[in-house]
Amino acid sequence: ICEKDNTVFFRINSKIFVLNKGKIQAYASNYWSFLGE
């Protein structure tokens, strides 16, 4: 999990969830190997 500009990111191998202002957007992939600042 990481954070920037009041936005929180959660990495699952197949998705990244982006939380901002009480809503979550999902970004799918067959493999997210890394997420970070």
PDB file of all heavy atoms in Angstrom:
ATOM      1  N   ILE A   1       0.863  -1.178   0.000  1.00  0.00           N
ATOM      2  CA  ILE A   1       0.000   0.000   0.000  1.00  0.00           C
ATOM      3  C   ILE A   1       0.900   1.228   0.000  1.00  0.00           C
ATOM      4  O   ILE A   1       1.933   1.252   0.687  1.00  0.00           O
ATOM      5  CB  ILE A   1      -0.904   0.028   1.254  1.00  0.00           C
ATOM      6  CG1 ILE A   1      -1.671  -1.287   1.415  1.00  0.00           C
ATOM      7  CG2 ILE A   1      -1.885   1.204   1.200  1.00  0.00           C
ATOM      8  CD1 ILE A   1      -2.370  -1.424   2.759  1.00  0.00           C
ATOM      9  N   CYS A   2       0.529   2.262  -0.751  1.00  0.00           N
ATOM     10  CA  CYS A   2       1.265   3.521  -0.696  1.00  0.00           C
ATOM     11  C   CYS A   2       0.283   4.672  -0.878  1.00  0.00           C
ATOM     12  O   CYS A   2      -0.899   4.464  -1.199  1.00  0.00           O
ATOM     13  CB  CYS A   2       2.397   3.574  -1.722  1.00  0.00           C
ATOM     14  SG  CYS A   2       1.890   3.368  -3.434  1.00  0.00           S
ATOM     15  N   GLU A   3       0.780   5.897  -0.691  1.00  0.00           N
ATOM     16  CA  GLU A   3      -0.098   7.063  -0.656  1.00  0.00           C
ATOM     17  C   GLU A   3       0.578   8.264  -1.297  1.00  0.00           C
ATOM     18  O   GLU A   3       1.791   8.457  -1.164  1.00  0.00           O
ATOM     19  CB  GLU A   3      -0.445   7.396   0.799  1.00  0.00           C
ATOM     20  CG  GLU A   3      -1.326   8.624   0.976  1.00  0.00           C
ATOM     21  CD  GLU A   3      -1.548   8.956   2.443  1.00  0.00           C
ATOM     22  OE1 GLU A   3      -0.614   8.767   3.254  1.00  0.00           O
ATOM     23  OE2 GLU A   3      -2.656   9.404   2.792  1.00  0.00           O
ATOM     24  N   LYS A   4      -0.226   9.068  -1.986  1.00  0.00           N
ATOM     25  CA  LYS A   4       0.248  10.331  -2.536  1.00  0.00           C
ATOM     26  C   LYS A   4      -0.942  11.243  -2.776  1.00  0.00           C
ATOM     27  O   LYS A   4      -1.959  10.815  -3.335  1.00  0.00           O
ATOM     28  CB  LYS A   4       1.009  10.109  -3.853  1.00  0.00           C
ATOM     29  CG  LYS A   4       1.486  11.411  -4.517  1.00  0.00           C
ATOM     30  CD  LYS A   4       2.271  11.128  -5.786  1.00  0.00           C
ATOM     31  CE  LYS A   4       2.548  12.397  -6.575  1.00  0.00           C
ATOM     32  NZ  LYS A   4       3.289  13.390  -5.800  1.00  0.00           N
ATOM     33  N   ASP A   5      -0.823  12.499  -2.327  1.00  0.00           N
ATOM     34  CA  ASP A   5      -1.849  13.507  -2.580  1.00  0.00           C
ATOM     35  C   ASP A   5      -3.238  13.029  -2.167  1.00  0.00           C
ATOM     36  O   ASP A   5      -4.212  13.107  -2.936  1.00  0.00           O
ATOM     37  CB  ASP A   5      -1.858  13.903  -4.063  1.00  0.00           C
ATOM     38  CG  ASP A   5      -0.554  14.543  -4.500  1.00  0.00           C
ATOM     39  OD1 ASP A   5       0.145  15.113  -3.645  1.00  0.00           O
ATOM     40  OD2 ASP A   5      -0.221  14.454  -5.698  1.00  0.00           O
ATOM     41  N   ASN A   6      -3.334  12.507  -0.934  1.00  0.00           N
ATOM     42  CA  ASN A   6      -4.625  12.052  -0.383  1.00  0.00           C
ATOM     43  C   ASN A   6      -5.247  10.914  -1.184  1.00  0.00           C
ATOM     44  O   ASN A   6      -6.461  10.679  -1.110  1.00  0.00           O
ATOM     45  CB  ASN A   6      -5.609  13.221  -0.292  1.00  0.00           C
ATOM     46  CG  ASN A   6      -5.118  14.336   0.611  1.00  0.00           C
ATOM     47  OD1 ASN A   6      -4.615  14.078   1.704  1.00  0.00           O
ATOM     48  ND2 ASN A   6      -5.229  15.571   0.151  1.00  0.00           N
ATOM     49  N   THR A   7      -4.430  10.231  -1.948  1.00  0.00           N
ATOM     50  CA  THR A   7      -4.875   9.065  -2.713  1.00  0.00           C
ATOM     51  C   THR A   7      -4.116   7.845  -2.214  1.00  0.00           C
ATOM     52  O   THR A   7      -2.896   7.894  -2.044  1.00  0.00           O
ATOM     53  CB  THR A   7      -4.625   9.266  -4.217  1.00  0.00           C
ATOM     54  OG1 THR A   7      -5.304  10.449  -4.652  1.00  0.00           O
ATOM     55  CG2 THR A   7      -5.120   8.081  -5.024  1.00  0.00           C
ATOM     56  N   VAL A   8      -4.843   6.748  -1.970  1.00  0.00           N
ATOM     57  CA  VAL A   8      -4.232   5.529  -1.433  1.00  0.00           C
ATOM     58  C   VAL A   8      -4.303   4.433  -2.492  1.00  0.00           C
ATOM     59  O   VAL A   8      -5.345   4.233  -3.131  1.00  0.00           O
ATOM     60  CB  VAL A   8      -4.939   5.082  -0.137  1.00  0.00           C
ATOM     61  CG1 VAL A   8      -4.286   3.821   0.420  1.00  0.00           C
ATOM     62  CG2 VAL A   8      -4.909   6.198   0.909  1.00  0.00           C
ATOM     63  N   PHE A   9      -3.181   3.727  -2.669  1.00  0.00           N
ATOM     64  CA  PHE A   9      -3.046   2.685  -3.688  1.00  0.00           C
ATOM     65  C   PHE A   9      -2.847   1.328  -3.008  1.00  0.00           C
ATOM     66  O   PHE A   9      -2.003   1.199  -2.109  1.00  0.00           O
ATOM     67  CB  PHE A   9      -1.855   2.966  -4.597  1.00  0.00           C
ATOM     68  CG  PHE A   9      -1.901   4.297  -5.307  1.00  0.00           C
ATOM     69  CD1 PHE A   9      -1.601   5.477  -4.637  1.00  0.00           C
ATOM     70  CD2 PHE A   9      -2.242   4.367  -6.654  1.00  0.00           C
ATOM     71  CE1 PHE A   9      -1.632   6.700  -5.290  1.00  0.00           C
ATOM     72  CE2 PHE A   9      -2.281   5.589  -7.313  1.00  0.00           C
ATOM     73  CZ  PHE A   9      -1.977   6.761  -6.625  1.00  0.00           C
ATOM     74  N   PHE A  10      -3.589   0.326  -3.458  1.00  0.00           N
ATOM     75  CA  PHE A  10      -3.451  -1.043  -2.954  1.00  0.00           C
ATOM     76  C   PHE A  10      -3.075  -1.944  -4.134  1.00  0.00           C
ATOM     77  O   PHE A  10      -3.770  -1.954  -5.148  1.00  0.00           O
ATOM     78  CB  PHE A  10      -4.772  -1.553  -2.361  1.00  0.00           C
ATOM     79  CG  PHE A  10      -5.348  -0.721  -1.253  1.00  0.00           C
ATOM     80  CD1 PHE A  10      -6.102   0.414  -1.528  1.00  0.00           C
ATOM     81  CD2 PHE A  10      -5.157  -1.089   0.074  1.00  0.00           C
ATOM     82  CE1 PHE A  10      -6.658   1.166  -0.508  1.00  0.00           C
ATOM     83  CE2 PHE A  10      -5.709  -0.347   1.108  1.00  0.00           C
ATOM     84  CZ  PHE A  10      -6.460   0.796   0.818  1.00  0.00           C
ATOM     85  N   ARG A  11      -1.988  -2.721  -3.983  1.00  0.00           N
ATOM     86  CA  ARG A  11      -1.572  -3.614  -5.077  1.00  0.00           C
ATOM     87  C   ARG A  11      -1.910  -5.060  -4.773  1.00  0.00           C
ATOM     88  O   ARG A  11      -1.458  -5.632  -3.776  1.00  0.00           O
ATOM     89  CB  ARG A  11      -0.077  -3.506  -5.349  1.00  0.00           C
ATOM     90  CG  ARG A  11       0.386  -4.441  -6.497  1.00  0.00           C
ATOM     91  CD  ARG A  11       1.879  -4.341  -6.744  1.00  0.00           C
ATOM     92  NE  ARG A  11       2.674  -4.894  -5.676  1.00  0.00           N
ATOM     93  CZ  ARG A  11       3.038  -6.176  -5.585  1.00  0.00           C
ATOM     94  NH1 ARG A  11       2.655  -7.054  -6.507  1.00  0.00           N
ATOM     95  NH2 ARG A  11       3.776  -6.590  -4.575  1.00  0.00           N
ATOM     96  N   ILE A  12      -2.701  -5.653  -5.650  1.00  0.00           N
ATOM     97  CA  ILE A  12      -2.907  -7.092  -5.723  1.00  0.00           C
ATOM     98  C   ILE A  12      -2.195  -7.528  -7.001  1.00  0.00           C
ATOM     99  O   ILE A  12      -1.964  -6.712  -7.892  1.00  0.00           O
ATOM    100  CB  ILE A  12      -4.415  -7.425  -5.776  1.00  0.00           C
ATOM    101  CG1 ILE A  12      -5.125  -6.920  -4.510  1.00  0.00           C
ATOM    102  CG2 ILE A  12      -4.655  -8.913  -5.914  1.00  0.00           C
ATOM    103  CD1 ILE A  12      -5.760  -5.588  -4.650  1.00  0.00           C
ATOM    104  N   ASN A  13      -1.823  -8.779  -7.118  1.00  0.00           N
ATOM    105  CA  ASN A  13      -1.109  -9.200  -8.319  1.00  0.00           C
ATOM    106  C   ASN A  13      -1.879  -8.902  -9.601  1.00  0.00           C
ATOM    107  O   ASN A  13      -1.298  -8.560 -10.631  1.00  0.00           O
ATOM    108  CB  ASN A  13      -0.787 -10.699  -8.252  1.00  0.00           C
ATOM    109  CG  ASN A  13       0.388 -10.987  -7.334  1.00  0.00           C
ATOM    110  OD1 ASN A  13       1.131 -10.090  -6.970  1.00  0.00           O
ATOM    111  ND2 ASN A  13       0.545 -12.241  -6.942  1.00  0.00           N
ATOM    112  N   SER A  14      -3.208  -9.012  -9.543  1.00  0.00           N
ATOM    113  CA  SER A  14      -4.015  -8.846 -10.744  1.00  0.00           C
ATOM    114  C   SER A  14      -4.662  -7.472 -10.866  1.00  0.00           C
ATOM    115  O   SER A  14      -5.248  -7.164 -11.909  1.00  0.00           O
ATOM    116  CB  SER A  14      -5.119  -9.909 -10.792  1.00  0.00           C
ATOM    117  OG  SER A  14      -5.979  -9.769  -9.667  1.00  0.00           O
ATOM    118  N   LYS A  15      -4.579  -6.634  -9.807  1.00  0.00           N
ATOM    119  CA  LYS A  15      -5.259  -5.343  -9.830  1.00  0.00           C
ATOM    120  C   LYS A  15      -4.521  -4.336  -8.957  1.00  0.00           C
ATOM    121  O   LYS A  15      -3.787  -4.707  -8.035  1.00  0.00           O
ATOM    122  CB  LYS A  15      -6.699  -5.467  -9.309  1.00  0.00           C
ATOM    123  CG  LYS A  15      -7.596  -6.370 -10.122  1.00  0.00           C
ATOM    124  CD  LYS A  15      -8.965  -6.534  -9.462  1.00  0.00           C
ATOM    125  CE  LYS A  15      -9.815  -7.519 -10.238  1.00  0.00           C
ATOM    126  NZ  LYS A  15     -11.131  -7.760  -9.602  1.00  0.00           N
ATOM    127  N   ILE A  16      -4.735  -3.063  -9.250  1.00  0.00           N
ATOM    128  CA  ILE A  16      -4.383  -1.992  -8.332  1.00  0.00           C
ATOM    129  C   ILE A  16      -5.666  -1.221  -8.032  1.00  0.00           C
ATOM    130  O   ILE A  16      -6.367  -0.778  -8.960  1.00  0.00           O
ATOM    131  CB  ILE A  16      -3.309  -1.056  -8.906  1.00  0.00           C
ATOM    132  CG1 ILE A  16      -1.952  -1.769  -8.942  1.00  0.00           C
ATOM    133  CG2 ILE A  16      -3.197   0.222  -8.067  1.00  0.00           C
ATOM    134  CD1 ILE A  16      -0.824  -0.933  -9.507  1.00  0.00           C
ATOM    135  N   PHE A  17      -5.998  -1.096  -6.750  1.00  0.00           N
ATOM    136  CA  PHE A  17      -7.138  -0.303  -6.322  1.00  0.00           C
ATOM    137  C   PHE A  17      -6.641   1.088  -5.939  1.00  0.00           C
ATOM    138  O   PHE A  17      -5.663   1.225  -5.195  1.00  0.00           O
ATOM    139  CB  PHE A  17      -7.839  -0.930  -5.124  1.00  0.00           C
ATOM    140  CG  PHE A  17      -8.472  -2.263  -5.405  1.00  0.00           C
ATOM    141  CD1 PHE A  17      -8.363  -3.304  -4.496  1.00  0.00           C
ATOM    142  CD2 PHE A  17      -9.196  -2.478  -6.572  1.00  0.00           C
ATOM    143  CE1 PHE A  17      -8.949  -4.530  -4.744  1.00  0.00           C
ATOM    144  CE2 PHE A  17      -9.787  -3.706  -6.834  1.00  0.00           C
ATOM    145  CZ  PHE A  17      -9.671  -4.731  -5.917  1.00  0.00           C
ATOM    146  N   VAL A  18      -7.328   2.123  -6.431  1.00  0.00           N
ATOM    147  CA  VAL A  18      -6.963   3.510  -6.141  1.00  0.00           C
ATOM    148  C   VAL A  18      -8.135   4.167  -5.411  1.00  0.00           C
ATOM    149  O   VAL A  18      -9.225   4.314  -5.970  1.00  0.00           O
ATOM    150  CB  VAL A  18      -6.624   4.284  -7.424  1.00  0.00           C
ATOM    151  CG1 VAL A  18      -6.256   5.727  -7.081  1.00  0.00           C
ATOM    152  CG2 VAL A  18      -5.469   3.612  -8.157  1.00  0.00           C
ATOM    153  N   LEU A  19      -7.897   4.538  -4.150  1.00  0.00           N
ATOM    154  CA  LEU A  19      -8.913   5.153  -3.299  1.00  0.00           C
ATOM    155  C   LEU A  19      -8.719   6.658  -3.268  1.00  0.00           C
ATOM    156  O   LEU A  19      -7.656   7.149  -2.880  1.00  0.00           O
ATOM    157  CB  LEU A  19      -8.818   4.587  -1.882  1.00  0.00           C
ATOM    158  CG  LEU A  19      -9.660   5.271  -0.803  1.00  0.00           C
ATOM    159  CD1 LEU A  19     -11.159   5.061  -1.056  1.00  0.00           C
ATOM    160  CD2 LEU A  19      -9.269   4.759   0.584  1.00  0.00           C
ATOM    161  N   ASN A  20      -9.774   7.392  -3.665  1.00  0.00           N
ATOM    162  CA  ASN A  20      -9.719   8.849  -3.628  1.00  0.00           C
ATOM    163  C   ASN A  20     -11.126   9.399  -3.404  1.00  0.00           C
ATOM    164  O   ASN A  20     -12.057   9.046  -4.131  1.00  0.00           O
ATOM    165  CB  ASN A  20      -9.132   9.399  -4.930  1.00  0.00           C
ATOM    166  CG  ASN A  20      -9.032  10.909  -4.944  1.00  0.00           C
ATOM    167  OD1 ASN A  20      -9.880  11.582  -5.535  1.00  0.00           O
ATOM    168  ND2 ASN A  20      -8.018  11.443  -4.302  1.00  0.00           N
ATOM    169  N   LYS A  21     -11.254  10.240  -2.394  1.00  0.00           N
ATOM    170  CA  LYS A  21     -12.519  10.916  -2.084  1.00  0.00           C
ATOM    171  C   LYS A  21     -13.673   9.930  -1.935  1.00  0.00           C
ATOM    172  O   LYS A  21     -14.786  10.144  -2.439  1.00  0.00           O
ATOM    173  CB  LYS A  21     -12.837  11.966  -3.155  1.00  0.00           C
ATOM    174  CG  LYS A  21     -11.817  13.095  -3.222  1.00  0.00           C
ATOM    175  CD  LYS A  21     -12.174  14.096  -4.310  1.00  0.00           C
ATOM    176  CE  LYS A  21     -11.136  15.211  -4.353  1.00  0.00           C
ATOM    177  NZ  LYS A  21     -11.442  16.218  -5.423  1.00  0.00           N
ATOM    178  N   GLY A  22     -13.404   8.839  -1.231  1.00  0.00           N
ATOM    179  CA  GLY A  22     -14.460   7.891  -0.930  1.00  0.00           C
ATOM    180  C   GLY A  22     -14.873   6.982  -2.063  1.00  0.00           C
ATOM    181  O   GLY A  22     -15.867   6.255  -1.942  1.00  0.00           O
ATOM    182  N   LYS A  23     -14.127   6.980  -3.170  1.00  0.00           N
ATOM    183  CA  LYS A  23     -14.416   6.101  -4.290  1.00  0.00           C
ATOM    184  C   LYS A  23     -13.168   5.298  -4.659  1.00  0.00           C
ATOM    185  O   LYS A  23     -12.044   5.762  -4.460  1.00  0.00           O
ATOM    186  CB  LYS A  23     -14.899   6.896  -5.501  1.00  0.00           C
ATOM    187  CG  LYS A  23     -16.214   7.636  -5.276  1.00  0.00           C
ATOM    188  CD  LYS A  23     -16.656   8.370  -6.534  1.00  0.00           C
ATOM    189  CE  LYS A  23     -17.988   9.085  -6.300  1.00  0.00           C
ATOM    190  NZ  LYS A  23     -18.448   9.806  -7.523  1.00  0.00           N
ATOM    191  N   ILE A  24     -13.390   4.101  -5.196  1.00  0.00           N
ATOM    192  CA  ILE A  24     -12.274   3.224  -5.581  1.00  0.00           C
ATOM    193  C   ILE A  24     -12.362   2.908  -7.067  1.00  0.00           C
ATOM    194  O   ILE A  24     -13.403   2.480  -7.569  1.00  0.00           O
ATOM    195  CB  ILE A  24     -12.274   1.918  -4.769  1.00  0.00           C
ATOM    196  CG1 ILE A  24     -11.975   2.213  -3.290  1.00  0.00           C
ATOM    197  CG2 ILE A  24     -11.240   0.940  -5.329  1.00  0.00           C
ATOM    198  CD1 ILE A  24     -11.965   0.986  -2.416  1.00  0.00           C
ATOM    199  N   GLN A  25     -11.242   3.129  -7.753  1.00  0.00           N
ATOM    200  CA  GLN A  25     -11.106   2.741  -9.148  1.00  0.00           C
ATOM    201  C   GLN A  25     -10.157   1.543  -9.227  1.00  0.00           C
ATOM    202  O   GLN A  25      -9.095   1.555  -8.592  1.00  0.00           O
ATOM    203  CB  GLN A  25     -10.543   3.894  -9.982  1.00  0.00           C
ATOM    204  CG  GLN A  25     -10.288   3.571 -11.435  1.00  0.00           C
ATOM    205  CD  GLN A  25     -11.565   3.383 -12.225  1.00  0.00           C
ATOM    206  OE1 GLN A  25     -12.524   4.115 -12.060  1.00  0.00           O
ATOM    207  NE2 GLN A  25     -11.578   2.372 -13.088  1.00  0.00           N
ATOM    208  N   ALA A  26     -10.536   0.518  -9.971  1.00  0.00           N
ATOM    209  CA  ALA A  26      -9.708  -0.678 -10.114  1.00  0.00           C
ATOM    210  C   ALA A  26      -9.033  -0.683 -11.484  1.00  0.00           C
ATOM    211  O   ALA A  26      -9.662  -0.388 -12.500  1.00  0.00           O
ATOM    212  CB  ALA A  26     -10.548  -1.931  -9.947  1.00  0.00           C
ATOM    213  N   TYR A  27      -7.731  -1.033 -11.492  1.00  0.00           N
ATOM    214  CA  TYR A  27      -6.960  -1.138 -12.731  1.00  0.00           C
ATOM    215  C   TYR A  27      -6.451  -2.571 -12.841  1.00  0.00           C
ATOM    216  O   TYR A  27      -5.609  -2.998 -12.045  1.00  0.00           O
ATOM    217  CB  TYR A  27      -5.801  -0.141 -12.728  1.00  0.00           C
ATOM    218  CG  TYR A  27      -6.245   1.301 -12.670  1.00  0.00           C
ATOM    219  CD1 TYR A  27      -6.471   1.921 -11.445  1.00  0.00           C
ATOM    220  CD2 TYR A  27      -6.445   2.043 -13.830  1.00  0.00           C
ATOM    221  CE1 TYR A  27      -6.886   3.248 -11.374  1.00  0.00           C
ATOM    222  CE2 TYR A  27      -6.860   3.368 -13.776  1.00  0.00           C
ATOM    223  CZ  TYR A  27      -7.082   3.963 -12.546  1.00  0.00           C
ATOM    224  OH  TYR A  27      -7.497   5.273 -12.483  1.00  0.00           O
ATOM    225  N   ALA A  28      -6.959  -3.305 -13.817  1.00  0.00           N
ATOM    226  CA  ALA A  28      -6.659  -4.731 -13.940  1.00  0.00           C
ATOM    227  C   ALA A  28      -5.427  -4.969 -14.802  1.00  0.00           C
ATOM    228  O   ALA A  28      -5.071  -4.174 -15.664  1.00  0.00           O
ATOM    229  CB  ALA A  28      -7.854  -5.466 -14.520  1.00  0.00           C
ATOM    230  N   SER A  29      -4.767  -6.081 -14.540  1.00  0.00           N
ATOM    231  CA  SER A  29      -3.636  -6.543 -15.339  1.00  0.00           C
ATOM    232  C   SER A  29      -3.449  -8.016 -15.047  1.00  0.00           C
ATOM    233  O   SER A  29      -3.898  -8.518 -14.015  1.00  0.00           O
ATOM    234  CB  SER A  29      -2.357  -5.769 -14.974  1.00  0.00           C
ATOM    235  OG  SER A  29      -1.219  -6.369 -15.585  1.00  0.00           O
ATOM    236  N   ASN A  30      -2.773  -8.725 -15.964  1.00  0.00           N
ATOM    237  CA  ASN A  30      -2.478 -10.114 -15.649  1.00  0.00           C
ATOM    238  C   ASN A  30      -1.406 -10.227 -14.571  1.00  0.00           C
ATOM    239  O   ASN A  30      -1.311 -11.236 -13.881  1.00  0.00           O
ATOM    240  CB  ASN A  30      -2.052 -10.878 -16.906  1.00  0.00           C
ATOM    241  CG  ASN A  30      -0.749 -10.367 -17.492  1.00  0.00           C
ATOM    242  OD1 ASN A  30      -0.414  -9.186 -17.357  1.00  0.00           O
ATOM    243  ND2 ASN A  30      -0.021 -11.241 -18.171  1.00  0.00           N
ATOM    244  N   TYR A  31      -0.598  -9.160 -14.380  1.00  0.00           N
ATOM    245  CA  TYR A  31       0.379  -9.186 -13.278  1.00  0.00           C
ATOM    246  C   TYR A  31       0.957  -7.802 -13.043  1.00  0.00           C
ATOM    247  O   TYR A  31       1.638  -7.240 -13.898  1.00  0.00           O
ATOM    248  CB  TYR A  31       1.513 -10.169 -13.588  1.00  0.00           C
ATOM    249  CG  TYR A  31       2.523 -10.323 -12.464  1.00  0.00           C
ATOM    250  CD1 TYR A  31       2.117 -10.361 -11.134  1.00  0.00           C
ATOM    251  CD2 TYR A  31       3.888 -10.428 -12.737  1.00  0.00           C
ATOM    252  CE1 TYR A  31       3.042 -10.508 -10.113  1.00  0.00           C
ATOM    253  CE2 TYR A  31       4.816 -10.583 -11.724  1.00  0.00           C
ATOM    254  CZ  TYR A  31       4.391 -10.615 -10.402  1.00  0.00           C
ATOM    255  OH  TYR A  31       5.301 -10.757  -9.396  1.00  0.00           O
ATOM    256  N   TRP A  32       0.650  -7.233 -11.865  1.00  0.00           N
ATOM    257  CA  TRP A  32       1.333  -6.034 -11.376  1.00  0.00           C
ATOM    258  C   TRP A  32       2.439  -6.516 -10.439  1.00  0.00           C
ATOM    259  O   TRP A  32       2.167  -7.018  -9.352  1.00  0.00           O
ATOM    260  CB  TRP A  32       0.374  -5.147 -10.599  1.00  0.00           C
ATOM    261  CG  TRP A  32      -0.712  -4.475 -11.374  1.00  0.00           C
ATOM    262  CD1 TRP A  32      -2.020  -4.879 -11.472  1.00  0.00           C
ATOM    263  CD2 TRP A  32      -0.606  -3.265 -12.148  1.00  0.00           C
ATOM    264  NE1 TRP A  32      -2.724  -4.000 -12.264  1.00  0.00           N
ATOM    265  CE2 TRP A  32      -1.885  -2.993 -12.684  1.00  0.00           C
ATOM    266  CE3 TRP A  32       0.443  -2.386 -12.420  1.00  0.00           C
ATOM    267  CZ2 TRP A  32      -2.148  -1.888 -13.492  1.00  0.00           C
ATOM    268  CZ3 TRP A  32       0.178  -1.284 -13.224  1.00  0.00           C
ATOM    269  CH2 TRP A  32      -1.085  -1.038 -13.756  1.00  0.00           C
ATOM    270  N   SER A  33       3.685  -6.376 -10.833  1.00  0.00           N
ATOM    271  CA  SER A  33       4.779  -6.901 -10.011  1.00  0.00           C
ATOM    272  C   SER A  33       5.293  -5.891  -8.996  1.00  0.00           C
ATOM    273  O   SER A  33       6.002  -6.254  -8.058  1.00  0.00           O
ATOM    274  CB  SER A  33       5.947  -7.367 -10.897  1.00  0.00           C
ATOM    275  OG  SER A  33       6.716  -6.263 -11.362  1.00  0.00           O
ATOM    276  N   PHE A  34       4.930  -4.592  -9.184  1.00  0.00           N
ATOM    277  CA  PHE A  34       5.485  -3.567  -8.295  1.00  0.00           C
ATOM    278  C   PHE A  34       4.547  -2.374  -8.216  1.00  0.00           C
ATOM    279  O   PHE A  34       3.881  -2.011  -9.195  1.00  0.00           O
ATOM    280  CB  PHE A  34       6.856  -3.099  -8.801  1.00  0.00           C
ATOM    281  CG  PHE A  34       7.426  -1.943  -8.016  1.00  0.00           C
ATOM    282  CD1 PHE A  34       8.065  -2.159  -6.803  1.00  0.00           C
ATOM    283  CD2 PHE A  34       7.304  -0.643  -8.478  1.00  0.00           C
ATOM    284  CE1 PHE A  34       8.565  -1.100  -6.071  1.00  0.00           C
ATOM    285  CE2 PHE A  34       7.813   0.425  -7.756  1.00  0.00           C
ATOM    286  CZ  PHE A  34       8.441   0.195  -6.548  1.00  0.00           C
ATOM    287  N   LEU A  35       4.511  -1.764  -7.041  1.00  0.00           N
ATOM    288  CA  LEU A  35       3.834  -0.493  -6.816  1.00  0.00           C
ATOM    289  C   LEU A  35       4.595   0.233  -5.723  1.00  0.00           C
ATOM    290  O   LEU A  35       4.871  -0.334  -4.661  1.00  0.00           O
ATOM    291  CB  LEU A  35       2.387  -0.717  -6.371  1.00  0.00           C
ATOM    292  CG  LEU A  35       1.648   0.501  -5.804  1.00  0.00           C
ATOM    293  CD1 LEU A  35       1.327   1.493  -6.917  1.00  0.00           C
ATOM    294  CD2 LEU A  35       0.359   0.071  -5.098  1.00  0.00           C
ATOM    295  N   GLY A  36       4.963   1.490  -5.966  1.00  0.00           N
ATOM    296  CA  GLY A  36       5.685   2.208  -4.930  1.00  0.00           C
ATOM    297  C   GLY A  36       5.887   3.669  -5.276  1.00  0.00           C
ATOM    298  O   GLY A  36       5.610   4.116  -6.397  1.00  0.00           O
ATOM    299  N   GLU A  37       6.388   4.401  -4.308  1.00  0.00           N
ATOM    300  CA  GLU A  37       6.690   5.816  -4.483  1.00  0.00           C
ATOM    301  C   GLU A  37       8.174   5.974  -4.757  1.00  0.00           C
ATOM    302  O   GLU A  37       9.016   5.520  -3.986  1.00  0.00           O
ATOM    303  CB  GLU A  37       6.297   6.600  -3.236  1.00  0.00           C
ATOM    304  CG  GLU A  37       6.440   8.105  -3.396  1.00  0.00           C
ATOM    305  CD  GLU A  37       5.916   8.873  -2.201  1.00  0.00           C
ATOM    306  OE1 GLU A  37       5.428   8.238  -1.260  1.00  0.00           O
ATOM    307  OE2 GLU A  37       5.994  10.120  -2.225  1.00  0.00           O
TER     308      GLU A  37
END
